[in-house]
Amino acid sequence: ILQMTYCDDVSGLMKALNFKYESQNWRLFIDGSKYSLKGVLLHNGNTM
């Protein structure tokens, strides 16, 4: 059984964090290890 927690409202999440969200300025990074899989949004300019 796959147990996954995720956010399906990225613009709402960014608003809650007080980040200016323009999708072209962010990229999805997925990292897998032996025990887990994580997805994070990385800012293209690495300023956020």
All heavy atoms as atom14 arrays in JSON, in Angstrom:
{
  "sequence": "ILQMTYCDDVSGLMKALNFKYESQNWRLFIDGSKYSLKGVLLHNGNTM",
  "atom14_mask": [
    [1, 1, 1, 1, 1, 1, 1, 1, 0, 0, 0, 0, 0, 0],
    [1, 1, 1, 1, 1, 1, 1, 1, 0, 0, 0, 0, 0, 0],
    [1, 1, 1, 1, 1, 1, 1, 1, 1, 0, 0, 0, 0, 0],
    [1, 1, 1, 1, 1, 1, 1, 1, 0, 0, 0, 0, 0, 0],
    [1, 1, 1, 1, 1, 1, 1, 0, 0, 0, 0, 0, 0, 0],
    [1, 1, 1, 1, 1, 1, 1, 1, 1, 1, 1, 1, 0, 0],
    [1, 1, 1, 1, 1, 1, 0, 0, 0, 0, 0, 0, 0, 0],
    [1, 1, 1, 1, 1, 1, 1, 1, 0, 0, 0, 0, 0, 0],
    [1, 1, 1, 1, 1, 1, 1, 1, 0, 0, 0, 0, 0, 0],
    [1, 1, 1, 1, 1, 1, 1, 0, 0, 0, 0, 0, 0, 0],
    [1, 1, 1, 1, 1, 1, 0, 0, 0, 0, 0, 0, 0, 0],
    [1, 1, 1, 1, 0, 0, 0, 0, 0, 0, 0, 0, 0, 0],
    [1, 1, 1, 1, 1, 1, 1, 1, 0, 0, 0, 0, 0, 0],
    [1, 1, 1, 1, 1, 1, 1, 1, 0, 0, 0, 0, 0, 0],
    [1, 1, 1, 1, 1, 1, 1, 1, 1, 0, 0, 0, 0, 0],
    [1, 1, 1, 1, 1, 0, 0, 0, 0, 0, 0, 0, 0, 0],
    [1, 1, 1, 1, 1, 1, 1, 1, 0, 0, 0, 0, 0, 0],
    [1, 1, 1, 1, 1, 1, 1, 1, 0, 0, 0, 0, 0, 0],
    [1, 1, 1, 1, 1, 1, 1, 1, 1, 1, 1, 0, 0, 0],
    [1, 1, 1, 1, 1, 1, 1, 1, 1, 0, 0, 0, 0, 0],
    [1, 1, 1, 1, 1, 1, 1, 1, 1, 1, 1, 1, 0, 0],
    [1, 1, 1, 1, 1, 1, 1, 1, 1, 0, 0, 0, 0, 0],
    [1, 1, 1, 1, 1, 1, 0, 0, 0, 0, 0, 0, 0, 0],
    [1, 1, 1, 1, 1, 1, 1, 1, 1, 0, 0, 0, 0, 0],
    [1, 1, 1, 1, 1, 1, 1, 1, 0, 0, 0, 0, 0, 0],
    [1, 1, 1, 1, 1, 1, 1, 1, 1, 1, 1, 1, 1, 1],
    [1, 1, 1, 1, 1, 1, 1, 1, 1, 1, 1, 0, 0, 0],
    [1, 1, 1, 1, 1, 1, 1, 1, 0, 0, 0, 0, 0, 0],
    [1, 1, 1, 1, 1, 1, 1, 1, 1, 1, 1, 0, 0, 0],
    [1, 1, 1, 1, 1, 1, 1, 1, 0, 0, 0, 0, 0, 0],
    [1, 1, 1, 1, 1, 1, 1, 1, 0, 0, 0, 0, 0, 0],
    [1, 1, 1, 1, 0, 0, 0, 0, 0, 0, 0, 0, 0, 0],
    [1, 1, 1, 1, 1, 1, 0, 0, 0, 0, 0, 0, 0, 0],
    [1, 1, 1, 1, 1, 1, 1, 1, 1, 0, 0, 0, 0, 0],
    [1, 1, 1, 1, 1, 1, 1, 1, 1, 1, 1, 1, 0, 0],
    [1, 1, 1, 1, 1, 1, 0, 0, 0, 0, 0, 0, 0, 0],
    [1, 1, 1, 1, 1, 1, 1, 1, 0, 0, 0, 0, 0, 0],
    [1, 1, 1, 1, 1, 1, 1, 1, 1, 0, 0, 0, 0, 0],
    [1, 1, 1, 1, 0, 0, 0, 0, 0, 0, 0, 0, 0, 0],
    [1, 1, 1, 1, 1, 1, 1, 0, 0, 0, 0, 0, 0, 0],
    [1, 1, 1, 1, 1, 1, 1, 1, 0, 0, 0, 0, 0, 0],
    [1, 1, 1, 1, 1, 1, 1, 1, 0, 0, 0, 0, 0, 0],
    [1, 1, 1, 1, 1, 1, 1, 1, 1, 1, 0, 0, 0, 0],
    [1, 1, 1, 1, 1, 1, 1, 1, 0, 0, 0, 0, 0, 0],
    [1, 1, 1, 1, 0, 0, 0, 0, 0, 0, 0, 0, 0, 0],
    [1, 1, 1, 1, 1, 1, 1, 1, 0, 0, 0, 0, 0, 0],
    [1, 1, 1, 1, 1, 1, 1, 0, 0, 0, 0, 0, 0, 0],
    [1, 1, 1, 1, 1, 1, 1, 1, 0, 0, 0, 0, 0, 0]
  ],
  "atom14_positions": [
    [[0.85, -1.18, 0.0], [0.0, 0.0, 0.0], [0.89, 1.23, 0.0], [1.76, 1.38, 0.85], [-0.94, 0.03, 1.21], [-1.9, -1.15, 1.16], [-1.69, 1.34, 1.27], [-2.78, -1.27, 2.38], [0.0, 0.0, 0.0], [0.0, 0.0, 0.0], [0.0, 0.0, 0.0], [0.0, 0.0, 0.0], [0.0, 0.0, 0.0], [0.0, 0.0, 0.0]],
    [[0.65, 2.11, -0.97], [1.42, 3.35, -1.07], [0.8, 4.42, -0.18], [-0.37, 4.72, -0.3], [1.43, 3.83, -2.52], [2.11, 5.16, -2.8], [3.59, 5.06, -2.47], [1.91, 5.55, -4.24], [0.0, 0.0, 0.0], [0.0, 0.0, 0.0], [0.0, 0.0, 0.0], [0.0, 0.0, 0.0], [0.0, 0.0, 0.0], [0.0, 0.0, 0.0]],
    [[1.59, 4.94, 0.73], [1.14, 6.02, 1.59], [1.82, 7.3, 1.14], [3.03, 7.42, 1.25], [1.46, 5.73, 3.05], [0.73, 4.53, 3.58], [1.07, 4.26, 5.04], [1.93, 4.89, 5.62], [0.39, 3.31, 5.62], [0.0, 0.0, 0.0], [0.0, 0.0, 0.0], [0.0, 0.0, 0.0], [0.0, 0.0, 0.0], [0.0, 0.0, 0.0]],
    [[1.03, 8.22, 0.59], [1.59, 9.44, 0.04], [0.85, 10.65, 0.6], [-0.37, 10.65, 0.71], [1.48, 9.45, -1.49], [2.14, 10.64, -2.12], [2.02, 10.69, -3.92], [2.72, 9.15, -4.39], [0.0, 0.0, 0.0], [0.0, 0.0, 0.0], [0.0, 0.0, 0.0], [0.0, 0.0, 0.0], [0.0, 0.0, 0.0], [0.0, 0.0, 0.0]],
    [[1.62, 11.66, 0.95], [1.07, 12.95, 1.36], [1.5, 13.95, 0.31], [2.67, 13.99, -0.06], [1.61, 13.36, 2.74], [1.29, 12.34, 3.68], [1.01, 14.68, 3.18], [0.0, 0.0, 0.0], [0.0, 0.0, 0.0], [0.0, 0.0, 0.0], [0.0, 0.0, 0.0], [0.0, 0.0, 0.0], [0.0, 0.0, 0.0], [0.0, 0.0, 0.0]],
    [[0.56, 14.75, -0.19], [0.92, 15.7, -1.23], [0.02, 16.93, -1.16], [-1.04, 16.91, -0.54], [0.82, 15.06, -2.61], [-0.58, 14.62, -2.98], [-1.42, 15.46, -3.69], [-1.06, 13.38, -2.59], [-2.71, 15.06, -4.01], [-2.34, 12.97, -2.91], [-3.16, 13.82, -3.62], [-4.43, 13.43, -3.93], [0.0, 0.0, 0.0], [0.0, 0.0, 0.0]],
    [[0.46, 17.99, -1.8], [-0.3, 19.23, -1.92], [-0.76, 19.35, -3.37], [0.06, 19.33, -4.28], [0.58, 20.42, -1.55], [-0.24, 22.0, -1.82], [0.0, 0.0, 0.0], [0.0, 0.0, 0.0], [0.0, 0.0, 0.0], [0.0, 0.0, 0.0], [0.0, 0.0, 0.0], [0.0, 0.0, 0.0], [0.0, 0.0, 0.0], [0.0, 0.0, 0.0]],
    [[-2.07, 19.47, -3.56], [-2.58, 19.61, -4.93], [-2.99, 21.04, -5.26], [-3.47, 21.31, -6.34], [-3.74, 18.64, -5.18], [-4.94, 18.92, -4.3], [-4.83, 19.73, -3.37], [-6.0, 18.33, -4.55], [0.0, 0.0, 0.0], [0.0, 0.0, 0.0], [0.0, 0.0, 0.0], [0.0, 0.0, 0.0], [0.0, 0.0, 0.0], [0.0, 0.0, 0.0]],
    [[-2.76, 21.97, -4.33], [-3.06, 23.38, -4.56], [-1.78, 24.19, -4.35], [-1.59, 24.83, -3.32], [-4.17, 23.85, -3.62], [-4.56, 25.3, -3.83], [-4.18, 25.89, -4.86], [-5.24, 25.86, -2.94], [0.0, 0.0, 0.0], [0.0, 0.0, 0.0], [0.0, 0.0, 0.0], [0.0, 0.0, 0.0], [0.0, 0.0, 0.0], [0.0, 0.0, 0.0]],
    [[-0.9, 24.14, -5.34], [0.41, 24.79, -5.2], [0.27, 26.3, -5.09], [0.93, 26.94, -4.26], [1.34, 24.4, -6.38], [2.62, 25.19, -6.33], [1.62, 22.91, -6.34], [0.0, 0.0, 0.0], [0.0, 0.0, 0.0], [0.0, 0.0, 0.0], [0.0, 0.0, 0.0], [0.0, 0.0, 0.0], [0.0, 0.0, 0.0], [0.0, 0.0, 0.0]],
    [[-0.62, 26.9, -5.88], [-0.77, 28.36, -5.8], [-1.32, 28.78, -4.43], [-0.9, 29.79, -3.88], [-1.65, 28.88, -6.93], [-2.93, 28.28, -6.9], [0.0, 0.0, 0.0], [0.0, 0.0, 0.0], [0.0, 0.0, 0.0], [0.0, 0.0, 0.0], [0.0, 0.0, 0.0], [0.0, 0.0, 0.0], [0.0, 0.0, 0.0], [0.0, 0.0, 0.0]],
    [[-2.19, 27.98, -3.85], [-2.69, 28.27, -2.5], [-1.61, 28.11, -1.46], [-1.52, 28.88, -0.5], [0.0, 0.0, 0.0], [0.0, 0.0, 0.0], [0.0, 0.0, 0.0], [0.0, 0.0, 0.0], [0.0, 0.0, 0.0], [0.0, 0.0, 0.0], [0.0, 0.0, 0.0], [0.0, 0.0, 0.0], [0.0, 0.0, 0.0], [0.0, 0.0, 0.0]],
    [[-0.76, 27.09, -1.62], [0.36, 26.88, -0.71], [1.32, 28.06, -0.76], [1.76, 28.57, 0.27], [1.09, 25.59, -1.05], [2.37, 25.29, -0.28], [2.07, 25.1, 1.2], [3.06, 24.07, -0.86], [0.0, 0.0, 0.0], [0.0, 0.0, 0.0], [0.0, 0.0, 0.0], [0.0, 0.0, 0.0], [0.0, 0.0, 0.0], [0.0, 0.0, 0.0]],
    [[1.64, 28.5, -1.96], [2.56, 29.64, -2.11], [1.96, 30.91, -1.51], [2.67, 31.7, -0.89], [2.9, 29.87, -3.58], [3.69, 28.75, -4.18], [5.29, 28.6, -3.41], [6.13, 27.61, -4.6], [0.0, 0.0, 0.0], [0.0, 0.0, 0.0], [0.0, 0.0, 0.0], [0.0, 0.0, 0.0], [0.0, 0.0, 0.0], [0.0, 0.0, 0.0]],
    [[0.65, 31.08, -1.68], [-0.02, 32.25, -1.09], [0.06, 32.19, 0.43], [0.32, 33.19, 1.08], [-1.47, 32.31, -1.57], [-2.21, 33.53, -1.14], [-3.6, 33.57, -1.74], [-4.32, 34.83, -1.33], [-5.68, 34.88, -1.88], [0.0, 0.0, 0.0], [0.0, 0.0, 0.0], [0.0, 0.0, 0.0], [0.0, 0.0, 0.0], [0.0, 0.0, 0.0]],
    [[-0.15, 31.01, 1.0], [-0.08, 30.84, 2.45], [1.34, 31.11, 2.97], [1.51, 31.58, 4.1], [-0.53, 29.44, 2.85], [0.0, 0.0, 0.0], [0.0, 0.0, 0.0], [0.0, 0.0, 0.0], [0.0, 0.0, 0.0], [0.0, 0.0, 0.0], [0.0, 0.0, 0.0], [0.0, 0.0, 0.0], [0.0, 0.0, 0.0], [0.0, 0.0, 0.0]],
    [[2.34, 30.81, 2.16], [3.74, 31.04, 2.55], [4.21, 32.46, 2.21], [5.37, 32.8, 2.45], [4.65, 30.03, 1.85], [4.47, 28.57, 2.26], [5.28, 27.65, 1.36], [4.85, 28.37, 3.72], [0.0, 0.0, 0.0], [0.0, 0.0, 0.0], [0.0, 0.0, 0.0], [0.0, 0.0, 0.0], [0.0, 0.0, 0.0], [0.0, 0.0, 0.0]],
    [[3.33, 33.26, 1.62], [3.65, 34.63, 1.19], [4.76, 34.67, 0.15], [5.62, 35.54, 0.18], [4.0, 35.53, 2.38], [2.8, 35.79, 3.27], [1.69, 35.97, 2.79], [3.03, 35.79, 4.55], [0.0, 0.0, 0.0], [0.0, 0.0, 0.0], [0.0, 0.0, 0.0], [0.0, 0.0, 0.0], [0.0, 0.0, 0.0], [0.0, 0.0, 0.0]],
    [[4.75, 33.69, -0.77], [5.69, 33.66, -1.88], [4.97, 34.11, -3.13], [3.81, 33.74, -3.35], [6.23, 32.25, -2.14], [7.15, 31.72, -1.07], [7.47, 30.38, -1.03], [7.72, 32.54, -0.11], [8.33, 29.87, -0.07], [8.57, 32.03, 0.86], [8.87, 30.7, 0.88], [0.0, 0.0, 0.0], [0.0, 0.0, 0.0], [0.0, 0.0, 0.0]],
    [[5.64, 34.91, -3.95], [5.1, 35.25, -5.26], [5.27, 34.04, -6.15], [6.39, 33.55, -6.35], [5.82, 36.46, -5.84], [5.25, 36.91, -7.16], [5.96, 38.15, -7.67], [5.39, 38.54, -9.02], [6.09, 39.68, -9.58], [0.0, 0.0, 0.0], [0.0, 0.0, 0.0], [0.0, 0.0, 0.0], [0.0, 0.0, 0.0], [0.0, 0.0, 0.0]],
    [[4.17, 33.51, -6.68], [4.24, 32.27, -7.46], [3.98, 32.53, -8.93], [2.9, 32.96, -9.33], [3.22, 31.25, -6.94], [3.22, 29.97, -7.72], [4.34, 29.15, -7.74], [2.12, 29.58, -8.46], [4.36, 27.98, -8.45], [2.12, 28.4, -9.18], [3.24, 27.6, -9.17], [3.26, 26.44, -9.89], [0.0, 0.0, 0.0], [0.0, 0.0, 0.0]],
    [[5.0, 32.3, -9.73], [4.89, 32.28, -11.19], [5.47, 30.94, -11.6], [6.65, 30.67, -11.37], [5.66, 33.44, -11.81], [5.08, 34.8, -11.45], [5.91, 35.95, -11.97], [6.97, 35.72, -12.6], [5.51, 37.09, -11.71], [0.0, 0.0, 0.0], [0.0, 0.0, 0.0], [0.0, 0.0, 0.0], [0.0, 0.0, 0.0], [0.0, 0.0, 0.0]],
    [[4.65, 30.08, -12.18], [5.04, 28.69, -12.42], [6.32, 28.55, -13.25], [7.08, 27.6, -13.05], [3.9, 27.92, -13.08], [3.58, 28.48, -14.33], [0.0, 0.0, 0.0], [0.0, 0.0, 0.0], [0.0, 0.0, 0.0], [0.0, 0.0, 0.0], [0.0, 0.0, 0.0], [0.0, 0.0, 0.0], [0.0, 0.0, 0.0], [0.0, 0.0, 0.0]],
    [[6.6, 29.48, -14.14], [7.81, 29.37, -14.97], [9.08, 29.61, -14.15], [10.17, 29.3, -14.62], [7.76, 30.33, -16.17], [7.8, 31.79, -15.83], [6.44, 32.41, -15.56], [5.45, 31.7, -15.4], [6.38, 33.71, -15.51], [0.0, 0.0, 0.0], [0.0, 0.0, 0.0], [0.0, 0.0, 0.0], [0.0, 0.0, 0.0], [0.0, 0.0, 0.0]],
    [[8.96, 30.12, -12.93], [10.12, 30.37, -12.08], [10.42, 29.23, -11.11], [11.34, 29.34, -10.3], [9.94, 31.67, -11.29], [9.94, 32.88, -12.19], [10.52, 32.85, -13.27], [9.29, 33.94, -11.76], [0.0, 0.0, 0.0], [0.0, 0.0, 0.0], [0.0, 0.0, 0.0], [0.0, 0.0, 0.0], [0.0, 0.0, 0.0], [0.0, 0.0, 0.0]],
    [[9.64, 28.17, -11.17], [9.81, 27.04, -10.25], [9.93, 25.75, -11.04], [9.36, 25.61, -12.11], [8.62, 26.95, -9.29], [8.52, 28.12, -8.37], [7.93, 29.32, -8.64], [9.03, 28.21, -7.05], [8.04, 30.15, -7.55], [8.71, 29.49, -6.56], [9.71, 27.33, -6.22], [9.07, 29.91, -5.29], [10.06, 27.75, -4.95], [9.74, 29.03, -4.49]],
    [[10.66, 24.78, -10.49], [10.78, 23.47, -11.13], [10.57, 22.38, -10.07], [10.89, 22.59, -8.89], [12.12, 23.31, -11.82], [13.32, 23.36, -10.91], [14.62, 23.47, -11.71], [15.77, 23.46, -10.86], [16.26, 24.5, -10.2], [15.66, 25.66, -10.29], [17.34, 24.39, -9.47], [0.0, 0.0, 0.0], [0.0, 0.0, 0.0], [0.0, 0.0, 0.0]],
    [[10.06, 21.26, -10.51], [9.81, 20.14, -9.61], [11.04, 19.25, -9.55], [11.59, 18.86, -10.58], [8.61, 19.32, -10.1], [8.25, 18.1, -9.27], [7.81, 18.51, -7.87], [7.15, 17.31, -9.96], [0.0, 0.0, 0.0], [0.0, 0.0, 0.0], [0.0, 0.0, 0.0], [0.0, 0.0, 0.0], [0.0, 0.0, 0.0], [0.0, 0.0, 0.0]],
    [[11.48, 18.95, -8.34], [12.6, 18.04, -8.13], [12.08, 16.85, -7.33], [11.46, 17.03, -6.28], [13.72, 18.75, -7.36], [14.87, 17.84, -7.01], [15.77, 17.44, -7.99], [15.05, 17.39, -5.71], [16.83, 16.6, -7.67], [16.11, 16.56, -5.39], [17.0, 16.17, -6.37], [0.0, 0.0, 0.0], [0.0, 0.0, 0.0], [0.0, 0.0, 0.0]],
    [[12.3, 15.64, -7.85], [11.87, 14.43, -7.17], [13.12, 13.66, -6.75], [13.99, 13.39, -7.57], [10.98, 13.57, -8.08], [9.72, 14.35, -8.45], [10.62, 12.26, -7.4], [8.84, 13.66, -9.47], [0.0, 0.0, 0.0], [0.0, 0.0, 0.0], [0.0, 0.0, 0.0], [0.0, 0.0, 0.0], [0.0, 0.0, 0.0], [0.0, 0.0, 0.0]],
    [[13.19, 13.32, -5.48], [14.33, 12.61, -4.93], [13.87, 11.29, -4.34], [12.94, 11.26, -3.52], [15.01, 13.45, -3.85], [16.23, 12.77, -3.24], [16.95, 12.1, -4.0], [16.45, 12.92, -2.03], [0.0, 0.0, 0.0], [0.0, 0.0, 0.0], [0.0, 0.0, 0.0], [0.0, 0.0, 0.0], [0.0, 0.0, 0.0], [0.0, 0.0, 0.0]],
    [[14.48, 10.22, -4.77], [14.13, 8.91, -4.25], [15.28, 8.31, -3.47], [16.44, 8.47, -3.84], [0.0, 0.0, 0.0], [0.0, 0.0, 0.0], [0.0, 0.0, 0.0], [0.0, 0.0, 0.0], [0.0, 0.0, 0.0], [0.0, 0.0, 0.0], [0.0, 0.0, 0.0], [0.0, 0.0, 0.0], [0.0, 0.0, 0.0], [0.0, 0.0, 0.0]],
    [[14.97, 7.67, -2.38], [15.97, 6.95, -1.62], [15.46, 5.52, -1.43], [14.41, 5.15, -1.96], [16.21, 7.62, -0.26], [15.1, 7.45, 0.58], [0.0, 0.0, 0.0], [0.0, 0.0, 0.0], [0.0, 0.0, 0.0], [0.0, 0.0, 0.0], [0.0, 0.0, 0.0], [0.0, 0.0, 0.0], [0.0, 0.0, 0.0], [0.0, 0.0, 0.0]],
    [[16.16, 4.76, -0.64], [15.77, 3.37, -0.42], [14.44, 3.27, 0.31], [13.69, 2.31, 0.14], [16.86, 2.67, 0.38], [16.68, 1.2, 0.54], [17.88, 0.57, 1.23], [17.7, -0.93, 1.36], [18.85, -1.54, 2.04], [0.0, 0.0, 0.0], [0.0, 0.0, 0.0], [0.0, 0.0, 0.0], [0.0, 0.0, 0.0], [0.0, 0.0, 0.0]],
    [[14.09, 4.26, 1.12], [12.92, 4.18, 1.98], [11.82, 5.2, 1.69], [10.73, 5.09, 2.23], [13.33, 4.31, 3.45], [14.31, 3.25, 3.87], [15.64, 3.55, 4.05], [13.89, 1.94, 4.03], [16.55, 2.57, 4.42], [14.79, 0.94, 4.4], [16.11, 1.27, 4.6], [17.0, 0.3, 4.95], [0.0, 0.0, 0.0], [0.0, 0.0, 0.0]],
    [[12.11, 6.22, 0.9], [11.07, 7.24, 0.68], [11.28, 7.95, -0.65], [12.32, 7.83, -1.29], [11.09, 8.27, 1.81], [12.26, 9.03, 1.77], [0.0, 0.0, 0.0], [0.0, 0.0, 0.0], [0.0, 0.0, 0.0], [0.0, 0.0, 0.0], [0.0, 0.0, 0.0], [0.0, 0.0, 0.0], [0.0, 0.0, 0.0], [0.0, 0.0, 0.0]],
    [[10.27, 8.67, -1.02], [10.29, 9.48, -2.24], [9.75, 10.85, -1.89], [8.72, 10.96, -1.21], [9.4, 8.8, -3.29], [9.48, 9.27, -4.72], [10.88, 9.03, -5.28], [8.47, 8.51, -5.55], [0.0, 0.0, 0.0], [0.0, 0.0, 0.0], [0.0, 0.0, 0.0], [0.0, 0.0, 0.0], [0.0, 0.0, 0.0], [0.0, 0.0, 0.0]],
    [[10.45, 11.91, -2.28], [10.05, 13.27, -1.93], [9.98, 14.13, -3.17], [10.8, 13.98, -4.08], [11.04, 13.89, -0.95], [11.16, 13.15, 0.34], [12.31, 13.68, 1.16], [12.64, 12.68, 2.23], [14.03, 12.39, 2.36], [0.0, 0.0, 0.0], [0.0, 0.0, 0.0], [0.0, 0.0, 0.0], [0.0, 0.0, 0.0], [0.0, 0.0, 0.0]],
    [[9.05, 15.05, -3.2], [8.94, 16.02, -4.27], [8.98, 17.42, -3.69], [8.26, 17.72, -2.74], [0.0, 0.0, 0.0], [0.0, 0.0, 0.0], [0.0, 0.0, 0.0], [0.0, 0.0, 0.0], [0.0, 0.0, 0.0], [0.0, 0.0, 0.0], [0.0, 0.0, 0.0], [0.0, 0.0, 0.0], [0.0, 0.0, 0.0], [0.0, 0.0, 0.0]],
    [[9.85, 18.27, -4.23], [9.95, 19.65, -3.76], [9.98, 20.58, -4.97], [10.42, 20.21, -6.05], [11.21, 19.9, -2.89], [11.16, 19.12, -1.61], [12.47, 19.61, -3.64], [0.0, 0.0, 0.0], [0.0, 0.0, 0.0], [0.0, 0.0, 0.0], [0.0, 0.0, 0.0], [0.0, 0.0, 0.0], [0.0, 0.0, 0.0], [0.0, 0.0, 0.0]],
    [[9.49, 21.79, -4.76], [9.6, 22.83, -5.77], [10.84, 23.64, -5.48], [11.05, 24.08, -4.34], [8.37, 23.73, -5.76], [7.09, 23.1, -6.28], [5.93, 24.08, -6.11], [7.22, 22.7, -7.73], [0.0, 0.0, 0.0], [0.0, 0.0, 0.0], [0.0, 0.0, 0.0], [0.0, 0.0, 0.0], [0.0, 0.0, 0.0], [0.0, 0.0, 0.0]],
    [[11.68, 23.83, -6.49], [12.9, 24.62, -6.36], [12.76, 25.88, -7.2], [12.29, 25.84, -8.34], [14.11, 23.82, -6.85], [14.4, 22.52, -6.12], [15.54, 21.78, -6.81], [14.74, 22.77, -4.67], [0.0, 0.0, 0.0], [0.0, 0.0, 0.0], [0.0, 0.0, 0.0], [0.0, 0.0, 0.0], [0.0, 0.0, 0.0], [0.0, 0.0, 0.0]],
    [[13.18, 27.0, -6.64], [13.13, 28.27, -7.36], [14.29, 28.32, -8.35], [15.42, 27.95, -8.02], [13.21, 29.43, -6.38], [12.94, 30.75, -7.02], [13.96, 31.6, -7.37], [11.79, 31.35, -7.38], [13.44, 32.67, -7.92], [12.13, 32.55, -7.94], [0.0, 0.0, 0.0], [0.0, 0.0, 0.0], [0.0, 0.0, 0.0], [0.0, 0.0, 0.0]],
    [[14.02, 28.76, -9.56], [15.06, 28.78, -10.61], [16.24, 29.67, -10.24], [17.36, 29.38, -10.59], [14.46, 29.23, -11.94], [13.62, 28.15, -12.56], [13.78, 26.98, -12.28], [12.69, 28.55, -13.41], [0.0, 0.0, 0.0], [0.0, 0.0, 0.0], [0.0, 0.0, 0.0], [0.0, 0.0, 0.0], [0.0, 0.0, 0.0], [0.0, 0.0, 0.0]],
    [[16.02, 30.76, -9.55], [17.12, 31.65, -9.19], [17.75, 31.32, -7.86], [18.67, 32.0, -7.42], [0.0, 0.0, 0.0], [0.0, 0.0, 0.0], [0.0, 0.0, 0.0], [0.0, 0.0, 0.0], [0.0, 0.0, 0.0], [0.0, 0.0, 0.0], [0.0, 0.0, 0.0], [0.0, 0.0, 0.0], [0.0, 0.0, 0.0], [0.0, 0.0, 0.0]],
    [[17.26, 30.28, -7.19], [17.75, 29.88, -5.87], [17.7, 31.01, -4.85], [18.49, 31.05, -3.91], [19.17, 29.3, -5.94], [19.21, 27.97, -6.65], [18.25, 27.2, -6.58], [20.29, 27.7, -7.33], [0.0, 0.0, 0.0], [0.0, 0.0, 0.0], [0.0, 0.0, 0.0], [0.0, 0.0, 0.0], [0.0, 0.0, 0.0], [0.0, 0.0, 0.0]],
    [[16.78, 31.94, -5.04], [16.62, 33.03, -4.07], [15.52, 32.74, -3.07], [15.41, 33.44, -2.07], [16.32, 34.36, -4.79], [15.14, 34.19, -5.58], [17.47, 34.77, -5.67], [0.0, 0.0, 0.0], [0.0, 0.0, 0.0], [0.0, 0.0, 0.0], [0.0, 0.0, 0.0], [0.0, 0.0, 0.0], [0.0, 0.0, 0.0], [0.0, 0.0, 0.0]],
    [[14.72, 31.71, -3.33], [13.63, 31.33, -2.44], [13.94, 29.94, -1.9], [14.62, 29.14, -2.54], [12.3, 31.28, -3.2], [11.96, 32.56, -3.94], [11.46, 33.87, -2.84], [9.82, 33.37, -2.46], [0.0, 0.0, 0.0], [0.0, 0.0, 0.0], [0.0, 0.0, 0.0], [0.0, 0.0, 0.0], [0.0, 0.0, 0.0], [0.0, 0.0, 0.0]]
  ]
}
